[in-house]
Amino acid sequence: MTRTPTITPTFTPTSTLRGTVTAFSGTASNVGVAAGGSAIDIAENFTFNGTMNLSTATVTISSLLQEVGGTGELVQGVPVTLGFGGTDPDEGPFYSSPAGVNPAYRFVIKIQDPQQGKWTSHLKVDNAVLPKYPTLCTFISSNTYRTNLTTVYSIKPAGGGASLVVSTVQPWRCLDFVGGDPNKPSSLRAP
């Protein structure tokens, strides 16, 4: 994973705790395909100085690949809420339900170091539908085009209490242009 600067998030819910993203990487394939079959893989490191029993929580992905000021959310079916599917209260695999339905979400959040407040998260989505292209892919240099995409998820404990929200805006590279059009990238990658 590559270290990236923290960018101020655009999502501001009330009564929340905040995680600060310290590293981010991601890929998305089959962008612009209405029939589905897209794969998304996002890994983050973040800091949060607190505890949460993941085994009684749910995860809601509010924005997955949202192009602010452009196309909006690229992934059909977002927001989505995932349920806990593990046994360790400090390490949660969360899944979409019902099982076997597409798209299939698998989201693992883990408390790496409670004393330092270091956490990791890894989201994989199989058979996602990304029917729209981002429209703000901007030329940076030498065949490099980028657009900023927002990812926001919250971990909500059972029985109430403040949710932990992790929100970031990251520059994603627009790649593999359909017909040579930089605003029709069939894949995206960050960094």
C-alpha atoms as a PDB file:
ATOM      1  CA  MET A   1       0.000   0.000   0.000  1.00  0.00           C
ATOM      2  CA  THR A   2       1.128   3.517  -0.747  1.00  0.00           C
ATOM      3  CA  ARG A   3       0.877   6.302   1.806  1.00  0.00           C
ATOM      4  CA  THR A   4      -1.364   9.124   0.701  1.00  0.00           C
ATOM      5  CA  PRO A   5      -2.138  12.488   2.210  1.00  0.00           C
ATOM      6  CA  THR A   6      -5.359  12.763   4.168  1.00  0.00           C
ATOM      7  CA  ILE A   7      -8.018  14.613   2.225  1.00  0.00           C
ATOM      8  CA  THR A   8     -10.912  16.237   4.035  1.00  0.00           C
ATOM      9  CA  PRO A   9     -14.045  14.139   3.481  1.00  0.00           C
ATOM     10  CA  THR A  10     -17.260  15.585   2.099  1.00  0.00           C
ATOM     11  CA  PHE A  11     -19.544  13.361   4.210  1.00  0.00           C
ATOM     12  CA  THR A  12     -20.556  14.802   7.584  1.00  0.00           C
ATOM     13  CA  PRO A  13     -23.121  12.715   9.481  1.00  0.00           C
ATOM     14  CA  THR A  14     -24.160  13.617  13.009  1.00  0.00           C
ATOM     15  CA  SER A  15     -23.205  11.703  16.162  1.00  0.00           C
ATOM     16  CA  THR A  16     -20.201   9.915  14.725  1.00  0.00           C
ATOM     17  CA  LEU A  17     -16.668   8.894  15.470  1.00  0.00           C
ATOM     18  CA  ARG A  18     -14.030   9.425  12.786  1.00  0.00           C
ATOM     19  CA  GLY A  19     -11.382   7.152  11.321  1.00  0.00           C
ATOM     20  CA  THR A  20      -8.493   8.859   9.498  1.00  0.00           C
ATOM     21  CA  VAL A  21      -7.235   7.103   6.362  1.00  0.00           C
ATOM     22  CA  THR A  22      -3.433   6.726   6.319  1.00  0.00           C
ATOM     23  CA  ALA A  23      -3.004   4.419   3.287  1.00  0.00           C
ATOM     24  CA  PHE A  24      -5.252   3.509   0.372  1.00  0.00           C
ATOM     25  CA  SER A  25      -5.179   1.305  -2.721  1.00  0.00           C
ATOM     26  CA  GLY A  26      -7.913   0.209  -5.079  1.00  0.00           C
ATOM     27  CA  THR A  27      -8.868  -1.273  -8.421  1.00  0.00           C
ATOM     28  CA  ALA A  28     -12.094  -1.462 -10.398  1.00  0.00           C
ATOM     29  CA  SER A  29     -12.629  -3.399 -13.635  1.00  0.00           C
ATOM     30  CA  ASN A  30     -15.362  -3.504 -16.281  1.00  0.00           C
ATOM     31  CA  VAL A  31     -16.333   0.113 -15.718  1.00  0.00           C
ATOM     32  CA  GLY A  32     -19.166   1.216 -18.009  1.00  0.00           C
ATOM     33  CA  VAL A  33     -20.611  -2.295 -18.334  1.00  0.00           C
ATOM     34  CA  ALA A  34     -24.326  -2.381 -17.551  1.00  0.00           C
ATOM     35  CA  ALA A  35     -24.443  -6.191 -17.520  1.00  0.00           C
ATOM     36  CA  GLY A  36     -22.254  -6.475 -14.410  1.00  0.00           C
ATOM     37  CA  GLY A  37     -19.215  -8.667 -13.950  1.00  0.00           C
ATOM     38  CA  SER A  38     -17.146  -5.848 -12.461  1.00  0.00           C
ATOM     39  CA  ALA A  39     -14.632  -6.481  -9.699  1.00  0.00           C
ATOM     40  CA  ILE A  40     -13.744  -3.907  -7.038  1.00  0.00           C
ATOM     41  CA  ASP A  41     -10.909  -4.261  -4.533  1.00  0.00           C
ATOM     42  CA  ILE A  42     -10.190  -1.516  -1.978  1.00  0.00           C
ATOM     43  CA  ALA A  43      -7.712  -1.736   0.922  1.00  0.00           C
ATOM     44  CA  GLU A  44      -7.211   0.962   3.557  1.00  0.00           C
ATOM     45  CA  ASN A  45      -5.254   1.572   6.702  1.00  0.00           C
ATOM     46  CA  PHE A  46      -6.849   4.028   9.096  1.00  0.00           C
ATOM     47  CA  THR A  47      -6.451   5.262  12.633  1.00  0.00           C
ATOM     48  CA  PHE A  48      -9.145   5.409  15.279  1.00  0.00           C
ATOM     49  CA  ASN A  49      -8.373   5.628  18.973  1.00  0.00           C
ATOM     50  CA  GLY A  50     -11.283   3.706  20.372  1.00  0.00           C
ATOM     51  CA  THR A  51     -12.835   0.277  20.574  1.00  0.00           C
ATOM     52  CA  MET A  52     -15.828  -1.328  18.957  1.00  0.00           C
ATOM     53  CA  ASN A  53     -17.295  -4.808  19.210  1.00  0.00           C
ATOM     54  CA  LEU A  54     -17.422  -5.733  15.538  1.00  0.00           C
ATOM     55  CA  SER A  55     -19.381  -8.934  16.173  1.00  0.00           C
ATOM     56  CA  THR A  56     -22.515  -6.938  17.039  1.00  0.00           C
ATOM     57  CA  ALA A  57     -22.075  -4.251  14.372  1.00  0.00           C
ATOM     58  CA  THR A  58     -23.217  -3.661  10.812  1.00  0.00           C
ATOM     59  CA  VAL A  59     -21.279  -1.890   8.056  1.00  0.00           C
ATOM     60  CA  THR A  60     -22.988   0.503   5.666  1.00  0.00           C
ATOM     61  CA  ILE A  61     -21.164   1.537   2.509  1.00  0.00           C
ATOM     62  CA  SER A  62     -22.608   4.963   1.697  1.00  0.00           C
ATOM     63  CA  SER A  63     -20.282   5.771  -1.210  1.00  0.00           C
ATOM     64  CA  LEU A  64     -18.065   3.263  -2.933  1.00  0.00           C
ATOM     65  CA  LEU A  65     -16.759   4.981  -6.071  1.00  0.00           C
ATOM     66  CA  GLN A  66     -18.533   8.331  -6.089  1.00  0.00           C
ATOM     67  CA  GLU A  67     -17.260  10.960  -8.511  1.00  0.00           C
ATOM     68  CA  VAL A  68     -18.205  14.234  -6.816  1.00  0.00           C
ATOM     69  CA  GLY A  69     -19.181  16.929  -9.311  1.00  0.00           C
ATOM     70  CA  GLY A  70     -19.217  14.362 -12.130  1.00  0.00           C
ATOM     71  CA  THR A  71     -21.123  11.143 -12.693  1.00  0.00           C
ATOM     72  CA  GLY A  72     -21.892  10.545  -9.005  1.00  0.00           C
ATOM     73  CA  GLU A  73     -21.847   6.995  -7.646  1.00  0.00           C
ATOM     74  CA  LEU A  74     -20.437   4.625 -10.265  1.00  0.00           C
ATOM     75  CA  VAL A  75     -21.573   1.426  -8.489  1.00  0.00           C
ATOM     76  CA  GLN A  76     -25.204   0.442  -8.841  1.00  0.00           C
ATOM     77  CA  GLY A  77     -26.955  -0.592  -5.606  1.00  0.00           C
ATOM     78  CA  VAL A  78     -25.018   1.668  -3.211  1.00  0.00           C
ATOM     79  CA  PRO A  79     -25.672   2.375  -0.358  1.00  0.00           C
ATOM     80  CA  VAL A  80     -25.559  -1.186   0.931  1.00  0.00           C
ATOM     81  CA  THR A  81     -25.517  -2.607   4.474  1.00  0.00           C
ATOM     82  CA  LEU A  82     -23.442  -5.684   5.323  1.00  0.00           C
ATOM     83  CA  GLY A  83     -23.897  -8.080   8.231  1.00  0.00           C
ATOM     84  CA  PHE A  84     -21.212  -9.634  10.450  1.00  0.00           C
ATOM     85  CA  GLY A  85     -20.160 -13.146   9.479  1.00  0.00           C
ATOM     86  CA  GLY A  86     -17.291 -14.058  11.806  1.00  0.00           C
ATOM     87  CA  THR A  87     -16.530 -15.005  15.392  1.00  0.00           C
ATOM     88  CA  ASP A  88     -13.799 -12.563  16.519  1.00  0.00           C
ATOM     89  CA  PRO A  89     -15.098  -9.235  17.936  1.00  0.00           C
ATOM     90  CA  ASP A  90     -11.824  -7.534  16.851  1.00  0.00           C
ATOM     91  CA  GLU A  91     -11.851  -8.825  13.274  1.00  0.00           C
ATOM     92  CA  GLY A  92     -14.951  -8.767  11.219  1.00  0.00           C
ATOM     93  CA  PRO A  93     -15.759 -10.234   7.918  1.00  0.00           C
ATOM     94  CA  PHE A  94     -18.987  -8.567   6.848  1.00  0.00           C
ATOM     95  CA  TYR A  95     -21.036  -9.913   3.955  1.00  0.00           C
ATOM     96  CA  SER A  96     -23.904  -8.855   1.768  1.00  0.00           C
ATOM     97  CA  SER A  97     -27.044 -10.853   2.263  1.00  0.00           C
ATOM     98  CA  PRO A  98     -28.588 -13.042   1.293  1.00  0.00           C
ATOM     99  CA  ALA A  99     -25.525 -15.154   0.506  1.00  0.00           C
ATOM    100  CA  GLY A 100     -25.119 -16.163  -3.109  1.00  0.00           C
ATOM    101  CA  VAL A 101     -26.799 -13.035  -4.485  1.00  0.00           C
ATOM    102  CA  ASN A 102     -24.832 -10.735  -6.779  1.00  0.00           C
ATOM    103  CA  PRO A 103     -23.096  -8.448  -6.362  1.00  0.00           C
ATOM    104  CA  ALA A 104     -21.218 -10.240  -3.587  1.00  0.00           C
ATOM    105  CA  TYR A 105     -19.596  -7.995  -0.957  1.00  0.00           C
ATOM    106  CA  ARG A 106     -16.903  -9.198   1.460  1.00  0.00           C
ATOM    107  CA  PHE A 107     -15.529  -6.576   3.834  1.00  0.00           C
ATOM    108  CA  VAL A 108     -12.891  -7.373   6.458  1.00  0.00           C
ATOM    109  CA  ILE A 109     -12.124  -4.827   9.181  1.00  0.00           C
ATOM    110  CA  LYS A 110      -9.439  -5.584  11.716  1.00  0.00           C
ATOM    111  CA  ILE A 111      -8.011  -3.841  14.757  1.00  0.00           C
ATOM    112  CA  GLN A 112      -4.286  -4.223  14.046  1.00  0.00           C
ATOM    113  CA  ASP A 113      -2.923  -2.383  17.094  1.00  0.00           C
ATOM    114  CA  PRO A 114      -5.412  -1.160  19.733  1.00  0.00           C
ATOM    115  CA  GLN A 115      -2.752   0.798  21.673  1.00  0.00           C
ATOM    116  CA  GLN A 116      -1.751   2.777  18.540  1.00  0.00           C
ATOM    117  CA  GLY A 117      -5.296   2.967  17.152  1.00  0.00           C
ATOM    118  CA  LYS A 118      -4.290   1.234  13.898  1.00  0.00           C
ATOM    119  CA  TRP A 119      -6.973  -0.528  11.867  1.00  0.00           C
ATOM    120  CA  THR A 120      -7.130  -2.106   8.412  1.00  0.00           C
ATOM    121  CA  SER A 121     -10.026  -2.703   6.061  1.00  0.00           C
ATOM    122  CA  HIS A 122     -10.284  -4.676   2.839  1.00  0.00           C
ATOM    123  CA  LEU A 123     -13.359  -4.645   0.605  1.00  0.00           C
ATOM    124  CA  LYS A 124     -13.889  -7.010  -2.329  1.00  0.00           C
ATOM    125  CA  VAL A 125     -16.946  -6.834  -4.534  1.00  0.00           C
ATOM    126  CA  ASP A 126     -17.549  -9.485  -7.186  1.00  0.00           C
ATOM    127  CA  ASN A 127     -20.062  -9.171 -10.026  1.00  0.00           C
ATOM    128  CA  ALA A 128     -20.716  -5.500  -9.322  1.00  0.00           C
ATOM    129  CA  VAL A 129     -22.545  -3.324 -11.839  1.00  0.00           C
ATOM    130  CA  LEU A 130     -20.723  -0.117 -12.880  1.00  0.00           C
ATOM    131  CA  PRO A 131     -22.904   1.052 -15.779  1.00  0.00           C
ATOM    132  CA  LYS A 132     -21.561   4.619 -15.914  1.00  0.00           C
ATOM    133  CA  TYR A 133     -18.123   6.019 -16.695  1.00  0.00           C
ATOM    134  CA  PRO A 134     -16.541   8.802 -14.641  1.00  0.00           C
ATOM    135  CA  THR A 135     -16.755  12.079 -16.585  1.00  0.00           C
ATOM    136  CA  LEU A 136     -13.986  14.087 -14.934  1.00  0.00           C
ATOM    137  CA  CYS A 137     -10.878  12.117 -15.988  1.00  0.00           C
ATOM    138  CA  THR A 138      -8.349  14.953 -16.299  1.00  0.00           C
ATOM    139  CA  PHE A 139      -5.022  14.834 -18.135  1.00  0.00           C
ATOM    140  CA  ILE A 140      -2.131  15.002 -15.647  1.00  0.00           C
ATOM    141  CA  SER A 141       0.932  14.088 -17.715  1.00  0.00           C
ATOM    142  CA  SER A 142       2.196  11.586 -20.297  1.00  0.00           C
ATOM    143  CA  ASN A 143      -0.988   9.519 -20.847  1.00  0.00           C
ATOM    144  CA  THR A 144      -1.991   9.807 -17.176  1.00  0.00           C
ATOM    145  CA  TYR A 145      -5.586  10.786 -16.481  1.00  0.00           C
ATOM    146  CA  ARG A 146      -7.115  10.991 -12.995  1.00  0.00           C
ATOM    147  CA  THR A 147     -10.413  11.656 -11.306  1.00  0.00           C
ATOM    148  CA  ASN A 148     -11.240  12.004  -7.596  1.00  0.00           C
ATOM    149  CA  LEU A 149     -13.519   9.337  -6.143  1.00  0.00           C
ATOM    150  CA  THR A 150     -15.058   9.234  -2.668  1.00  0.00           C
ATOM    151  CA  THR A 151     -15.336   6.118  -0.502  1.00  0.00           C
ATOM    152  CA  VAL A 152     -17.394   6.290   2.725  1.00  0.00           C
ATOM    153  CA  TYR A 153     -18.417   3.523   5.084  1.00  0.00           C
ATOM    154  CA  SER A 154     -19.690   3.439   8.652  1.00  0.00           C
ATOM    155  CA  ILE A 155     -19.544   0.795  11.347  1.00  0.00           C
ATOM    156  CA  LYS A 156     -22.671   0.951  13.495  1.00  0.00           C
ATOM    157  CA  PRO A 157     -22.696  -0.833  16.841  1.00  0.00           C
ATOM    158  CA  ALA A 158     -25.796  -2.774  17.851  1.00  0.00           C
ATOM    159  CA  GLY A 159     -28.008  -1.138  20.451  1.00  0.00           C
ATOM    160  CA  GLY A 160     -27.203   2.429  19.442  1.00  0.00           C
ATOM    161  CA  GLY A 161     -24.202   4.588  20.108  1.00  0.00           C
ATOM    162  CA  ALA A 162     -22.060   6.571  17.739  1.00  0.00           C
ATOM    163  CA  SER A 163     -21.035   5.052  14.419  1.00  0.00           C
ATOM    164  CA  LEU A 164     -17.416   4.970  13.299  1.00  0.00           C
ATOM    165  CA  VAL A 165     -17.207   6.663   9.885  1.00  0.00           C
ATOM    166  CA  VAL A 166     -14.222   6.255   7.561  1.00  0.00           C
ATOM    167  CA  SER A 167     -14.349   8.657   4.622  1.00  0.00           C
ATOM    168  CA  THR A 168     -11.762   9.536   2.005  1.00  0.00           C
ATOM    169  CA  VAL A 169     -11.434  11.204  -1.381  1.00  0.00           C
ATOM    170  CA  GLN A 170      -8.635   9.700  -3.466  1.00  0.00           C
ATOM    171  CA  PRO A 171      -7.207  10.344  -6.926  1.00  0.00           C
ATOM    172  CA  TRP A 172      -7.890   7.313  -9.157  1.00  0.00           C
ATOM    173  CA  ARG A 173      -6.157   6.730 -12.499  1.00  0.00           C
ATOM    174  CA  CYS A 174      -8.448   6.331 -15.500  1.00  0.00           C
ATOM    175  CA  LEU A 175      -7.096   3.430 -17.617  1.00  0.00           C
ATOM    176  CA  ASP A 176      -7.860   1.250 -20.649  1.00  0.00           C
ATOM    177  CA  PHE A 177      -9.941   3.778 -22.589  1.00  0.00           C
ATOM    178  CA  VAL A 178     -12.816   2.527 -24.738  1.00  0.00           C
ATOM    179  CA  GLY A 179     -12.298   3.916 -28.246  1.00  0.00           C
ATOM    180  CA  GLY A 180      -9.408   6.045 -26.965  1.00  0.00           C
ATOM    181  CA  ASP A 181     -11.803   8.313 -25.024  1.00  0.00           C
ATOM    182  CA  PRO A 182     -10.281   9.318 -21.635  1.00  0.00           C
ATOM    183  CA  ASN A 183     -13.806   9.717 -20.235  1.00  0.00           C
ATOM    184  CA  LYS A 184     -14.549   6.052 -20.989  1.00  0.00           C
ATOM    185  CA  PRO A 185     -12.005   4.187 -18.849  1.00  0.00           C
ATOM    186  CA  SER A 186     -12.783   0.489 -18.580  1.00  0.00           C
ATOM    187  CA  SER A 187     -10.635   0.232 -15.448  1.00  0.00           C
ATOM    188  CA  LEU A 188      -9.660   2.462 -12.516  1.00  0.00           C
ATOM    189  CA  ARG A 189      -6.701   2.208 -10.140  1.00  0.00           C
ATOM    190  CA  ALA A 190      -5.520   4.056  -7.025  1.00  0.00           C
ATOM    191  CA  PRO A 191      -2.818   5.113  -6.541  1.00  0.00           C
END
